[in-house]
């Protein structure tokens, strides 16, 4: 049951982050899930660095996952644009 909860949680966090970053049309459902789950790990890591513990599936955890997913999408956008700029004539 935990894996299903992670997938649903990741999908919601990734979808909200993709709307905030304007990448919703580019990712699709699977991309949103992956970005949301990875974003949850990034957000959780950053919260631990700042001395805050995040646990469980609640609104606070969702916000942390969204913040982490936004950071991930921002980093992906930086590398994506850098790659495009190199390949343009």
PDB file of N, CA and C in Angstrom:
ATOM      1  N   UNK A   1       0.823  -1.201   0.000  1.00  0.00           N
ATOM      2  CA  UNK A   1       0.000   0.000   0.000  1.00  0.00           C
ATOM      3  C   UNK A   1       0.867   1.266   0.000  1.00  0.00           C
ATOM      4  N   UNK A   2       2.061   1.189   0.597  1.00  0.00           N
ATOM      5  CA  UNK A   2       2.924   2.375   0.646  1.00  0.00           C
ATOM      6  C   UNK A   2       3.363   2.827  -0.733  1.00  0.00           C
ATOM      7  N   UNK A   3       3.625   1.902  -1.642  1.00  0.00           N
ATOM      8  CA  UNK A   3       4.082   2.278  -2.978  1.00  0.00           C
ATOM      9  C   UNK A   3       2.983   3.031  -3.718  1.00  0.00           C
ATOM     10  N   UNK A   4       1.746   2.630  -3.531  1.00  0.00           N
ATOM     11  CA  UNK A   4       0.624   3.333  -4.162  1.00  0.00           C
ATOM     12  C   UNK A   4       0.500   4.732  -3.583  1.00  0.00           C
ATOM     13  N   UNK A   5       0.683   4.863  -2.280  1.00  0.00           N
ATOM     14  CA  UNK A   5       0.625   6.186  -1.647  1.00  0.00           C
ATOM     15  C   UNK A   5       1.746   7.077  -2.178  1.00  0.00           C
ATOM     16  N   UNK A   6       2.952   6.531  -2.349  1.00  0.00           N
ATOM     17  CA  UNK A   6       4.079   7.310  -2.901  1.00  0.00           C
ATOM     18  C   UNK A   6       3.774   7.769  -4.317  1.00  0.00           C
ATOM     19  N   UNK A   7       3.177   6.889  -5.123  1.00  0.00           N
ATOM     20  CA  UNK A   7       2.861   7.240  -6.506  1.00  0.00           C
ATOM     21  C   UNK A   7       1.819   8.349  -6.548  1.00  0.00           C
ATOM     22  N   UNK A   8       0.769   8.221  -5.759  1.00  0.00           N
ATOM     23  CA  UNK A   8      -0.280   9.246  -5.734  1.00  0.00           C
ATOM     24  C   UNK A   8       0.280  10.558  -5.201  1.00  0.00           C
ATOM     25  N   UNK A   9       1.026  10.499  -4.123  1.00  0.00           N
ATOM     26  CA  UNK A   9       1.633  11.686  -3.519  1.00  0.00           C
ATOM     27  C   UNK A   9       2.585  12.353  -4.500  1.00  0.00           C
ATOM     28  N   UNK A  10       3.407  11.550  -5.176  1.00  0.00           N
ATOM     29  CA  UNK A  10       4.334  12.079  -6.174  1.00  0.00           C
ATOM     30  C   UNK A  10       3.611  12.706  -7.347  1.00  0.00           C
ATOM     31  N   UNK A  11       2.526  12.079  -7.774  1.00  0.00           N
ATOM     32  CA  UNK A  11       1.759  12.615  -8.897  1.00  0.00           C
ATOM     33  C   UNK A  11       1.165  13.976  -8.557  1.00  0.00           C
ATOM     34  N   UNK A  12       0.631  14.113  -7.361  1.00  0.00           N
ATOM     35  CA  UNK A  12       0.037  15.396  -6.952  1.00  0.00           C
ATOM     36  C   UNK A  12       1.114  16.467  -6.826  1.00  0.00           C
ATOM     37  N   UNK A  13       2.201  16.144  -6.145  1.00  0.00           N
ATOM     38  CA  UNK A  13       3.283  17.121  -5.959  1.00  0.00           C
ATOM     39  C   UNK A  13       3.908  17.502  -7.294  1.00  0.00           C
ATOM     40  N   UNK A  14       4.166  16.531  -8.150  1.00  0.00           N
ATOM     41  CA  UNK A  14       4.763  16.802  -9.450  1.00  0.00           C
ATOM     42  C   UNK A  14       3.843  17.606 -10.347  1.00  0.00           C
ATOM     43  N   UNK A  15       2.549  17.310 -10.300  1.00  0.00           N
ATOM     44  CA  UNK A  15       1.580  18.034 -11.117  1.00  0.00           C
ATOM     45  C   UNK A  15       1.505  19.500 -10.699  1.00  0.00           C
ATOM     46  N   UNK A  16       1.421  19.744  -9.388  1.00  0.00           N
ATOM     47  CA  UNK A  16       1.359  21.128  -8.890  1.00  0.00           C
ATOM     48  C   UNK A  16       2.644  21.875  -9.235  1.00  0.00           C
ATOM     49  N   UNK A  17       3.791  21.222  -9.038  1.00  0.00           N
ATOM     50  CA  UNK A  17       5.072  21.861  -9.361  1.00  0.00           C
ATOM     51  C   UNK A  17       5.173  22.160 -10.850  1.00  0.00           C
ATOM     52  N   UNK A  18       4.688  21.247 -11.693  1.00  0.00           N
ATOM     53  CA  UNK A  18       4.762  21.482 -13.138  1.00  0.00           C
ATOM     54  C   UNK A  18       3.857  22.624 -13.563  1.00  0.00           C
ATOM     55  N   UNK A  19       2.742  22.795 -12.892  1.00  0.00           N
ATOM     56  CA  UNK A  19       1.873  23.940 -13.180  1.00  0.00           C
ATOM     57  C   UNK A  19       2.576  25.230 -12.766  1.00  0.00           C
ATOM     58  N   UNK A  20       3.188  25.220 -11.587  1.00  0.00           N
ATOM     59  CA  UNK A  20       3.892  26.412 -11.108  1.00  0.00           C
ATOM     60  C   UNK A  20       5.064  26.784 -12.013  1.00  0.00           C
ATOM     61  N   UNK A  21       5.749  25.791 -12.567  1.00  0.00           N
ATOM     62  CA  UNK A  21       6.927  26.045 -13.403  1.00  0.00           C
ATOM     63  C   UNK A  21       6.597  26.133 -14.894  1.00  0.00           C
ATOM     64  N   UNK A  22       5.342  25.903 -15.261  1.00  0.00           N
ATOM     65  CA  UNK A  22       4.938  26.003 -16.652  1.00  0.00           C
ATOM     66  C   UNK A  22       5.397  24.852 -17.529  1.00  0.00           C
ATOM     67  N   UNK A  23       5.612  23.687 -16.951  1.00  0.00           N
ATOM     68  CA  UNK A  23       6.062  22.529 -17.727  1.00  0.00           C
ATOM     69  C   UNK A  23       5.011  21.433 -17.787  1.00  0.00           C
ATOM     70  N   UNK A  24       3.786  21.751 -17.448  1.00  0.00           N
ATOM     71  CA  UNK A  24       2.738  20.740 -17.349  1.00  0.00           C
ATOM     72  C   UNK A  24       2.495  20.019 -18.665  1.00  0.00           C
ATOM     73  N   UNK A  25       2.509  20.728 -19.776  1.00  0.00           N
ATOM     74  CA  UNK A  25       2.236  20.104 -21.069  1.00  0.00           C
ATOM     75  C   UNK A  25       3.393  19.242 -21.547  1.00  0.00           C
ATOM     76  N   UNK A  26       4.580  19.468 -21.031  1.00  0.00           N
ATOM     77  CA  UNK A  26       5.775  18.770 -21.504  1.00  0.00           C
ATOM     78  C   UNK A  26       5.989  17.416 -20.837  1.00  0.00           C
ATOM     79  N   UNK A  27       5.524  17.244 -19.607  1.00  0.00           N
ATOM     80  CA  UNK A  27       5.916  16.091 -18.801  1.00  0.00           C
ATOM     81  C   UNK A  27       5.038  14.869 -18.959  1.00  0.00           C
ATOM     82  N   UNK A  28       3.759  15.011 -18.847  1.00  0.00           N
ATOM     83  CA  UNK A  28       2.869  13.865 -18.818  1.00  0.00           C
ATOM     84  C   UNK A  28       2.757  13.306 -17.409  1.00  0.00           C
ATOM     85  N   UNK A  29       1.910  12.305 -17.264  1.00  0.00           N
ATOM     86  CA  UNK A  29       1.618  11.747 -15.937  1.00  0.00           C
ATOM     87  C   UNK A  29       2.827  11.070 -15.308  1.00  0.00           C
ATOM     88  N   UNK A  30       3.537  10.271 -16.080  1.00  0.00           N
ATOM     89  CA  UNK A  30       4.694   9.557 -15.535  1.00  0.00           C
ATOM     90  C   UNK A  30       5.774  10.550 -15.126  1.00  0.00           C
ATOM     91  N   UNK A  31       5.991  11.578 -15.936  1.00  0.00           N
ATOM     92  CA  UNK A  31       6.968  12.614 -15.594  1.00  0.00           C
ATOM     93  C   UNK A  31       6.594  13.330 -14.314  1.00  0.00           C
ATOM     94  N   UNK A  32       5.303  13.635 -14.134  1.00  0.00           N
ATOM     95  CA  UNK A  32       4.850  14.278 -12.904  1.00  0.00           C
ATOM     96  C   UNK A  32       5.107  13.401 -11.687  1.00  0.00           C
ATOM     97  N   UNK A  33       4.849  12.112 -11.827  1.00  0.00           N
ATOM     98  CA  UNK A  33       5.073  11.188 -10.706  1.00  0.00           C
ATOM     99  C   UNK A  33       6.551  11.148 -10.338  1.00  0.00           C
ATOM    100  N   UNK A  34       7.406  11.011 -11.336  1.00  0.00           N
ATOM    101  CA  UNK A  34       8.849  10.932 -11.076  1.00  0.00           C
ATOM    102  C   UNK A  34       9.357  12.233 -10.465  1.00  0.00           C
ATOM    103  N   UNK A  35       8.955  13.359 -11.044  1.00  0.00           N
ATOM    104  CA  UNK A  35       9.386  14.662 -10.515  1.00  0.00           C
ATOM    105  C   UNK A  35       8.877  14.843  -9.084  1.00  0.00           C
ATOM    106  N   UNK A  36       7.665  14.434  -8.808  1.00  0.00           N
ATOM    107  CA  UNK A  36       7.105  14.567  -7.457  1.00  0.00           C
ATOM    108  C   UNK A  36       7.834  13.721  -6.432  1.00  0.00           C
ATOM    109  N   UNK A  37       8.141  12.484  -6.790  1.00  0.00           N
ATOM    110  CA  UNK A  37       8.833  11.593  -5.851  1.00  0.00           C
ATOM    111  C   UNK A  37      10.261  12.070  -5.616  1.00  0.00           C
ATOM    112  N   UNK A  38      10.984  12.401  -6.692  1.00  0.00           N
ATOM    113  CA  UNK A  38      12.348  12.911  -6.531  1.00  0.00           C
ATOM    114  C   UNK A  38      12.324  14.243  -5.787  1.00  0.00           C
ATOM    115  N   UNK A  39      11.322  15.073  -6.096  1.00  0.00           N
ATOM    116  CA  UNK A  39      11.173  16.344  -5.386  1.00  0.00           C
ATOM    117  C   UNK A  39      10.936  16.155  -3.896  1.00  0.00           C
ATOM    118  N   UNK A  40      10.201  15.108  -3.537  1.00  0.00           N
ATOM    119  CA  UNK A  40       9.980  14.823  -2.116  1.00  0.00           C
ATOM    120  C   UNK A  40      11.299  14.492  -1.418  1.00  0.00           C
ATOM    121  N   UNK A  41      12.160  13.736  -2.091  1.00  0.00           N
ATOM    122  CA  UNK A  41      13.467  13.432  -1.514  1.00  0.00           C
ATOM    123  C   UNK A  41      14.328  14.687  -1.397  1.00  0.00           C
ATOM    124  N   UNK A  42      14.321  15.523  -2.428  1.00  0.00           N
ATOM    125  CA  UNK A  42      15.098  16.765  -2.386  1.00  0.00           C
ATOM    126  C   UNK A  42      14.585  17.673  -1.279  1.00  0.00           C
ATOM    127  N   UNK A  43      13.267  17.859  -1.224  1.00  0.00           N
ATOM    128  CA  UNK A  43      12.678  18.710  -0.183  1.00  0.00           C
ATOM    129  C   UNK A  43      12.939  18.170   1.215  1.00  0.00           C
ATOM    130  N   UNK A  44      12.833  16.844   1.380  1.00  0.00           N
ATOM    131  CA  UNK A  44      13.109  16.236   2.677  1.00  0.00           C
ATOM    132  C   UNK A  44      14.556  16.400   3.094  1.00  0.00           C
ATOM    133  N   UNK A  45      15.465  16.256   2.130  1.00  0.00           N
ATOM    134  CA  UNK A  45      16.888  16.460   2.415  1.00  0.00           C
ATOM    135  C   UNK A  45      17.144  17.898   2.859  1.00  0.00           C
ATOM    136  N   UNK A  46      16.573  18.858   2.120  1.00  0.00           N
ATOM    137  CA  UNK A  46      16.778  20.266   2.477  1.00  0.00           C
ATOM    138  C   UNK A  46      16.183  20.597   3.842  1.00  0.00           C
ATOM    139  N   UNK A  47      15.047  20.025   4.162  1.00  0.00           N
ATOM    140  CA  UNK A  47      14.452  20.272   5.478  1.00  0.00           C
ATOM    141  C   UNK A  47      15.324  19.688   6.585  1.00  0.00           C
ATOM    142  N   UNK A  48      15.920  18.522   6.340  1.00  0.00           N
ATOM    143  CA  UNK A  48      16.829  17.939   7.328  1.00  0.00           C
ATOM    144  C   UNK A  48      18.069  18.794   7.511  1.00  0.00           C
ATOM    145  N   UNK A  49      18.562  19.395   6.416  1.00  0.00           N
ATOM    146  CA  UNK A  49      19.715  20.287   6.517  1.00  0.00           C
ATOM    147  C   UNK A  49      19.393  21.468   7.428  1.00  0.00           C
ATOM    148  N   UNK A  50      18.157  21.960   7.346  1.00  0.00           N
ATOM    149  CA  UNK A  50      17.737  23.093   8.173  1.00  0.00           C
ATOM    150  C   UNK A  50      17.218  22.669   9.545  1.00  0.00           C
ATOM    151  N   UNK A  51      17.332  21.384   9.862  1.00  0.00           N
ATOM    152  CA  UNK A  51      16.983  20.914  11.196  1.00  0.00           C
ATOM    153  C   UNK A  51      15.513  20.595  11.407  1.00  0.00           C
ATOM    154  N   UNK A  52      14.755  20.497  10.337  1.00  0.00           N
ATOM    155  CA  UNK A  52      13.335  20.160  10.444  1.00  0.00           C
ATOM    156  C   UNK A  52      13.119  18.736   9.949  1.00  0.00           C
ATOM    157  N   UNK A  53      12.305  17.995  10.671  1.00  0.00           N
ATOM    158  CA  UNK A  53      12.012  16.634  10.259  1.00  0.00           C
ATOM    159  C   UNK A  53      10.647  16.584   9.600  1.00  0.00           C
ATOM    160  N   UNK A  54      10.583  15.904   8.480  1.00  0.00           N
ATOM    161  CA  UNK A  54       9.336  15.747   7.739  1.00  0.00           C
ATOM    162  C   UNK A  54       9.031  14.265   7.669  1.00  0.00           C
ATOM    163  N   UNK A  55       7.820  13.888   8.067  1.00  0.00           N
ATOM    164  CA  UNK A  55       7.456  12.478   8.045  1.00  0.00           C
ATOM    165  C   UNK A  55       5.974  12.335   7.737  1.00  0.00           C
ATOM    166  N   UNK A  56       5.633  11.243   7.104  1.00  0.00           N
ATOM    167  CA  UNK A  56       4.243  10.932   6.833  1.00  0.00           C
ATOM    168  C   UNK A  56       3.709  11.607   5.585  1.00  0.00           C
ATOM    169  N   UNK A  57       2.457  11.311   5.310  1.00  0.00           N
ATOM    170  CA  UNK A  57       1.768  11.890   4.171  1.00  0.00           C
ATOM    171  C   UNK A  57       0.741  12.886   4.703  1.00  0.00           C
ATOM    172  N   UNK A  58       1.155  14.147   4.761  1.00  0.00           N
ATOM    173  CA  UNK A  58       0.262  15.200   5.249  1.00  0.00           C
ATOM    174  C   UNK A  58       0.500  16.471   4.442  1.00  0.00           C
ATOM    175  N   UNK A  59      -0.194  17.536   4.784  1.00  0.00           N
ATOM    176  CA  UNK A  59      -0.087  18.777   4.020  1.00  0.00           C
ATOM    177  C   UNK A  59       1.317  19.356   4.062  1.00  0.00           C
ATOM    178  N   UNK A  60       1.963  19.291   5.214  1.00  0.00           N
ATOM    179  CA  UNK A  60       3.340  19.785   5.326  1.00  0.00           C
ATOM    180  C   UNK A  60       4.295  19.018   4.431  1.00  0.00           C
ATOM    181  N   UNK A  61       4.139  17.707   4.395  1.00  0.00           N
ATOM    182  CA  UNK A  61       4.978  16.881   3.529  1.00  0.00           C
ATOM    183  C   UNK A  61       4.705  17.177   2.055  1.00  0.00           C
ATOM    184  N   UNK A  62       3.441  17.431   1.725  1.00  0.00           N
ATOM    185  CA  UNK A  62       3.101  17.767   0.349  1.00  0.00           C
ATOM    186  C   UNK A  62       3.751  19.084  -0.061  1.00  0.00           C
ATOM    187  N   UNK A  63       3.728  20.059   0.815  1.00  0.00           N
ATOM    188  CA  UNK A  63       4.366  21.342   0.513  1.00  0.00           C
ATOM    189  C   UNK A  63       5.870  21.187   0.331  1.00  0.00           C
ATOM    190  N   UNK A  64       6.496  20.381   1.172  1.00  0.00           N
ATOM    191  CA  UNK A  64       7.931  20.123   1.047  1.00  0.00           C
ATOM    192  C   UNK A  64       8.225  19.418  -0.274  1.00  0.00           C
ATOM    193  N   UNK A  65       7.387  18.462  -0.654  1.00  0.00           N
ATOM    194  CA  UNK A  65       7.574  17.750  -1.919  1.00  0.00           C
ATOM    195  C   UNK A  65       7.398  18.694  -3.108  1.00  0.00           C
ATOM    196  N   UNK A  66       6.443  19.599  -3.031  1.00  0.00           N
ATOM    197  CA  UNK A  66       6.226  20.566  -4.108  1.00  0.00           C
ATOM    198  C   UNK A  66       7.434  21.480  -4.235  1.00  0.00           C
ATOM    199  N   UNK A  67       7.936  21.964  -3.118  1.00  0.00           N
ATOM    200  CA  UNK A  67       9.122  22.837  -3.144  1.00  0.00           C
ATOM    201  C   UNK A  67      10.312  22.085  -3.748  1.00  0.00           C
ATOM    202  N   UNK A  68      10.520  20.849  -3.332  1.00  0.00           N
ATOM    203  CA  UNK A  68      11.605  20.050  -3.893  1.00  0.00           C
ATOM    204  C   UNK A  68      11.422  19.803  -5.379  1.00  0.00           C
ATOM    205  N   UNK A  69      10.185  19.565  -5.816  1.00  0.00           N
ATOM    206  CA  UNK A  69       9.918  19.333  -7.235  1.00  0.00           C
ATOM    207  C   UNK A  69      10.136  20.606  -8.050  1.00  0.00           C
ATOM    208  N   UNK A  70       9.774  21.763  -7.483  1.00  0.00           N
ATOM    209  CA  UNK A  70      10.024  23.034  -8.172  1.00  0.00           C
ATOM    210  C   UNK A  70      11.528  23.244  -8.329  1.00  0.00           C
ATOM    211  N   UNK A  71      12.289  22.942  -7.289  1.00  0.00           N
ATOM    212  CA  UNK A  71      13.747  23.061  -7.364  1.00  0.00           C
ATOM    213  C   UNK A  71      14.293  22.130  -8.441  1.00  0.00           C
ATOM    214  N   UNK A  72      13.799  20.896  -8.482  1.00  0.00           N
ATOM    215  CA  UNK A  72      14.241  19.938  -9.489  1.00  0.00           C
ATOM    216  C   UNK A  72      13.921  20.435 -10.898  1.00  0.00           C
ATOM    217  N   UNK A  73      12.705  20.930 -11.115  1.00  0.00           N
ATOM    218  CA  UNK A  73      12.327  21.432 -12.436  1.00  0.00           C
ATOM    219  C   UNK A  73      13.157  22.651 -12.827  1.00  0.00           C
ATOM    220  N   UNK A  74      13.470  23.486 -11.849  1.00  0.00           N
ATOM    221  CA  UNK A  74      14.312  24.657 -12.118  1.00  0.00           C
ATOM    222  C   UNK A  74      15.703  24.223 -12.574  1.00  0.00           C
ATOM    223  N   UNK A  75      16.275  23.252 -11.875  1.00  0.00           N
ATOM    224  CA  UNK A  75      17.597  22.747 -12.236  1.00  0.00           C
ATOM    225  C   UNK A  75      17.547  22.077 -13.617  1.00  0.00           C
ATOM    226  N   UNK A  76      16.492  21.313 -13.873  1.00  0.00           N
ATOM    227  CA  UNK A  76      16.350  20.669 -15.182  1.00  0.00           C
ATOM    228  C   UNK A  76      16.225  21.714 -16.285  1.00  0.00           C
ATOM    229  N   UNK A  77      15.512  22.784 -16.012  1.00  0.00           N
ATOM    230  CA  UNK A  77      15.359  23.843 -16.996  1.00  0.00           C
ATOM    231  C   UNK A  77      16.698  24.531 -17.259  1.00  0.00           C
ATOM    232  N   UNK A  78      17.498  24.749 -16.215  1.00  0.00           N
ATOM    233  CA  UNK A  78      18.815  25.361 -16.407  1.00  0.00           C
ATOM    234  C   UNK A  78      19.699  24.517 -17.312  1.00  0.00           C
ATOM    235  N   UNK A  79      19.740  23.221 -17.046  1.00  0.00           N
ATOM    236  CA  UNK A  79      20.565  22.339 -17.858  1.00  0.00           C
ATOM    237  C   UNK A  79      19.995  22.172 -19.253  1.00  0.00           C
ATOM    238  N   UNK A  80      18.690  22.180 -19.374  1.00  0.00           N
ATOM    239  CA  UNK A  80      18.061  22.051 -20.687  1.00  0.00           C
ATOM    240  C   UNK A  80      18.347  23.246 -21.563  1.00  0.00           C
ATOM    241  N   UNK A  81      18.259  24.445 -21.006  1.00  0.00           N
ATOM    242  CA  UNK A  81      18.532  25.650 -21.783  1.00  0.00           C
ATOM    243  C   UNK A  81      20.000  25.752 -22.122  1.00  0.00           C
ATOM    244  N   UNK A  82      20.863  25.359 -21.209  1.00  0.00           N
ATOM    245  CA  UNK A  82      22.293  25.385 -21.487  1.00  0.00           C
ATOM    246  C   UNK A  82      22.635  24.452 -22.626  1.00  0.00           C
ATOM    247  N   UNK A  83      22.011  23.290 -22.651  1.00  0.00           N
ATOM    248  CA  UNK A  83      22.237  22.335 -23.718  1.00  0.00           C
ATOM    249  C   UNK A  83      21.722  22.883 -25.039  1.00  0.00           C
ATOM    250  N   UNK A  84      20.532  23.500 -25.050  1.00  0.00           N
ATOM    251  CA  UNK A  84      19.976  24.080 -26.275  1.00  0.00           C
ATOM    252  C   UNK A  84      20.839  25.227 -26.783  1.00  0.00           C
ATOM    253  N   UNK A  85      21.353  26.035 -25.877  1.00  0.00           N
ATOM    254  CA  UNK A  85      22.164  27.164 -26.287  1.00  0.00           C
ATOM    255  C   UNK A  85      23.458  26.704 -26.951  1.00  0.00           C
ATOM    256  N   UNK A  86      24.001  25.588 -26.513  1.00  0.00           N
ATOM    257  CA  UNK A  86      25.230  25.073 -27.101  1.00  0.00           C
ATOM    258  C   UNK A  86      24.956  24.540 -28.508  1.00  0.00           C
ATOM    259  N   UNK A  87      23.809  23.919 -28.707  1.00  0.00           N
ATOM    260  CA  UNK A  87      23.507  23.300 -29.995  1.00  0.00           C
ATOM    261  C   UNK A  87      22.951  24.263 -31.031  1.00  0.00           C
ATOM    262  N   UNK A  88      22.605  25.460 -30.648  1.00  0.00           N
ATOM    263  CA  UNK A  88      22.070  26.425 -31.612  1.00  0.00           C
ATOM    264  C   UNK A  88      23.205  27.044 -32.414  1.00  0.00           C
ATOM    265  N   UNK A  89      22.962  27.273 -33.714  1.00  0.00           N
ATOM    266  CA  UNK A  89      24.025  27.881 -34.540  1.00  0.00           C
ATOM    267  C   UNK A  89      24.288  29.319 -34.204  1.00  0.00           C
TER     268      UNK A  89
END
